[in-house]
C-alpha atoms as a PDB file:
ATOM      1  CA  MET A   1       5.449  -6.425  17.834  1.00  0.00           C
ATOM      2  CA  ARG A   2       7.810  -4.795  14.938  1.00  0.00           C
ATOM      3  CA  ASP A   3      10.054  -8.492  15.836  1.00  0.00           C
ATOM      4  CA  SER A   4       7.430 -10.405  15.008  1.00  0.00           C
ATOM      5  CA  VAL A   5       7.090  -8.886  11.100  1.00  0.00           C
ATOM      6  CA  LYS A   6       9.179  -9.106   8.465  1.00  0.00           C
ATOM      7  CA  SER A   7       9.966  -5.989   6.831  1.00  0.00           C
ATOM      8  CA  VAL A   8      12.955  -4.141   4.682  1.00  0.00           C
ATOM      9  CA  ILE A   9      13.792  -0.595   4.400  1.00  0.00           C
ATOM     10  CA  ILE A  10      13.708   0.998   1.088  1.00  0.00           C
ATOM     11  CA  GLY A  11      14.889   4.637   0.929  1.00  0.00           C
ATOM     12  CA  GLY A  12      14.708   5.097   4.658  1.00  0.00           C
ATOM     13  CA  ASP A  13      11.167   4.420   4.990  1.00  0.00           C
ATOM     14  CA  MET A  14      10.385   0.793   6.843  1.00  0.00           C
ATOM     15  CA  ILE A  15       8.062  -1.415   4.440  1.00  0.00           C
ATOM     16  CA  GLY A  16       6.656  -3.780   5.784  1.00  0.00           C
ATOM     17  CA  PHE A  17       4.776  -7.203   5.258  1.00  0.00           C
ATOM     18  CA  GLY A  18       1.943  -7.938   7.535  1.00  0.00           C
ATOM     19  CA  MET A  19      -1.609  -6.361   8.611  1.00  0.00           C
ATOM     20  CA  ASP A  20      -0.798  -5.140  11.676  1.00  0.00           C
ATOM     21  CA  LEU A  21       2.349  -3.437  11.009  1.00  0.00           C
ATOM     22  CA  GLN A  22       3.511  -0.278  13.111  1.00  0.00           C
ATOM     23  CA  VAL A  23       4.831   2.311  10.802  1.00  0.00           C
ATOM     24  CA  PRO A  24       7.217   4.469  12.142  1.00  0.00           C
ATOM     25  CA  ARG A  25       7.367   7.098   8.986  1.00  0.00           C
ATOM     26  CA  GLY A  26       7.288  10.788   9.075  1.00  0.00           C
ATOM     27  CA  ASP A  27       3.691  12.146   9.751  1.00  0.00           C
ATOM     28  CA  LEU A  28       2.371   9.057  10.442  1.00  0.00           C
ATOM     29  CA  ASP A  29       0.746   8.213  14.265  1.00  0.00           C
ATOM     30  CA  GLU A  30       2.322   5.143  15.425  1.00  0.00           C
ATOM     31  CA  SER A  31      -1.025   3.289  16.359  1.00  0.00           C
ATOM     32  CA  ARG A  32      -2.149   3.576  12.556  1.00  0.00           C
ATOM     33  CA  LYS A  33      -1.304   0.825  10.640  1.00  0.00           C
ATOM     34  CA  GLN A  34       0.385   0.843   6.817  1.00  0.00           C
ATOM     35  CA  LEU A  35      -2.044   0.149   4.078  1.00  0.00           C
ATOM     36  CA  PHE A  36      -1.831  -1.587   0.687  1.00  0.00           C
ATOM     37  CA  ALA A  37      -3.098  -0.711  -2.622  1.00  0.00           C
ATOM     38  CA  GLY A  38      -7.177  -1.711  -2.546  1.00  0.00           C
ATOM     39  CA  GLU A  39      -7.369  -1.662   1.524  1.00  0.00           C
ATOM     40  CA  THR A  40      -9.954   0.439   2.624  1.00  0.00           C
ATOM     41  CA  GLU A  41     -10.183   2.485   5.832  1.00  0.00           C
ATOM     42  CA  CYS A  42      -7.338   5.198   5.486  1.00  0.00           C
ATOM     43  CA  GLU A  43      -7.382   8.945   6.686  1.00  0.00           C
ATOM     44  CA  ILE A  44      -4.113  10.199   5.182  1.00  0.00           C
ATOM     45  CA  ASP A  45      -1.852   9.490   2.152  1.00  0.00           C
ATOM     46  CA  GLU A  46       1.229   8.476   4.803  1.00  0.00           C
ATOM     47  CA  GLN A  47      -1.259   5.112   5.818  1.00  0.00           C
ATOM     48  CA  CYS A  48      -0.693   4.035   1.833  1.00  0.00           C
ATOM     49  CA  VAL A  49       2.318   1.696   0.773  1.00  0.00           C
ATOM     50  CA  THR A  50       4.220   4.278  -1.776  1.00  0.00           C
ATOM     51  CA  PRO A  51       3.046   4.949  -4.679  1.00  0.00           C
ATOM     52  CA  SER A  52      -0.891   4.287  -3.334  1.00  0.00           C
ATOM     53  CA  THR A  53      -2.285   7.317  -2.305  1.00  0.00           C
ATOM     54  CA  CYS A  54      -6.030   7.938   0.230  1.00  0.00           C
ATOM     55  CA  VAL A  55      -8.728   8.557  -1.929  1.00  0.00           C
ATOM     56  CA  LYS A  56     -11.978   8.324  -0.331  1.00  0.00           C
ATOM     57  CA  GLY A  57     -10.891   5.903   2.909  1.00  0.00           C
ATOM     58  CA  LYS A  58      -8.984   3.712   0.215  1.00  0.00           C
ATOM     59  CA  CYS A  59      -5.728   3.455  -1.108  1.00  0.00           C
ATOM     60  CA  THR A  60      -5.697   3.571  -4.645  1.00  0.00           C
ATOM     61  CA  CYS A  61      -3.123   3.248  -7.390  1.00  0.00           C
ATOM     62  CA  PRO A  62      -2.245   6.523  -9.120  1.00  0.00           C
ATOM     63  CA  SER A  63      -3.073   7.288 -12.509  1.00  0.00           C
ATOM     64  CA  GLY A  64      -1.800   5.412 -15.358  1.00  0.00           C
ATOM     65  CA  THR A  65      -0.932   2.204 -12.961  1.00  0.00           C
ATOM     66  CA  VAL A  66      -3.021  -0.886 -12.513  1.00  0.00           C
ATOM     67  CA  GLN A  67      -3.271  -2.877  -8.912  1.00  0.00           C
ATOM     68  CA  PHE A  68      -2.664  -6.519  -8.611  1.00  0.00           C
ATOM     69  CA  ARG A  69      -2.270  -8.450  -5.237  1.00  0.00           C
ATOM     70  CA  ARG A  70      -1.915  -5.106  -3.108  1.00  0.00           C
ATOM     71  CA  MET A  71       0.901  -3.870  -5.293  1.00  0.00           C
ATOM     72  CA  CYS A  72       0.822  -1.367  -7.926  1.00  0.00           C
ATOM     73  CA  ALA A  73       1.970  -1.834 -11.085  1.00  0.00           C
ATOM     74  CA  SER A  74       2.601  -0.613 -15.118  1.00  0.00           C
ATOM     75  CA  VAL A  75       0.614  -3.306 -16.058  1.00  0.00           C
ATOM     76  CA  CYS A  76      -1.369  -6.452 -15.694  1.00  0.00           C
ATOM     77  CA  PRO A  77       0.800  -9.479 -16.020  1.00  0.00           C
ATOM     78  CA  LEU A  78       0.101 -12.402 -18.226  1.00  0.00           C
ATOM     79  CA  PHE A  79      -2.766 -14.292 -18.536  1.00  0.00           C
ATOM     80  CA  TYR A  80      -4.353 -11.014 -16.476  1.00  0.00           C
ATOM     81  CA  LYS A  81      -6.854  -8.346 -17.699  1.00  0.00           C
ATOM     82  CA  ASN A  82      -7.129  -4.879 -16.722  1.00  0.00           C
ATOM     83  CA  GLN A  83     -10.963  -4.296 -15.106  1.00  0.00           C
ATOM     84  CA  ASP A  84     -11.061  -0.450 -13.724  1.00  0.00           C
ATOM     85  CA  GLY A  85      -7.650  -0.149 -12.596  1.00  0.00           C
ATOM     86  CA  VAL A  86      -7.460  -3.714 -11.161  1.00  0.00           C
ATOM     87  CA  CYS A  87      -5.947  -6.656 -12.300  1.00  0.00           C
ATOM     88  CA  VAL A  88      -8.464  -9.884 -12.386  1.00  0.00           C
END
């Protein structure tokens, strides 16, 4: 399955682009999906793409950052506004 998903190695961790990616990473069980900021159904922080963490079942960007297109950013891009920590 790994061959069908584009991925990049960053700091020794494989970060992938795809909803069904199996991620060989630290304590993460190989059967769990890697989730992006804003996605739900996480159980542990390691399931969320760094720097987001699992808060009440949702991958959430850290305090002082905003969520933009499933990523965490320092500010919203031009023409977007911050609405409760999410760029809209």
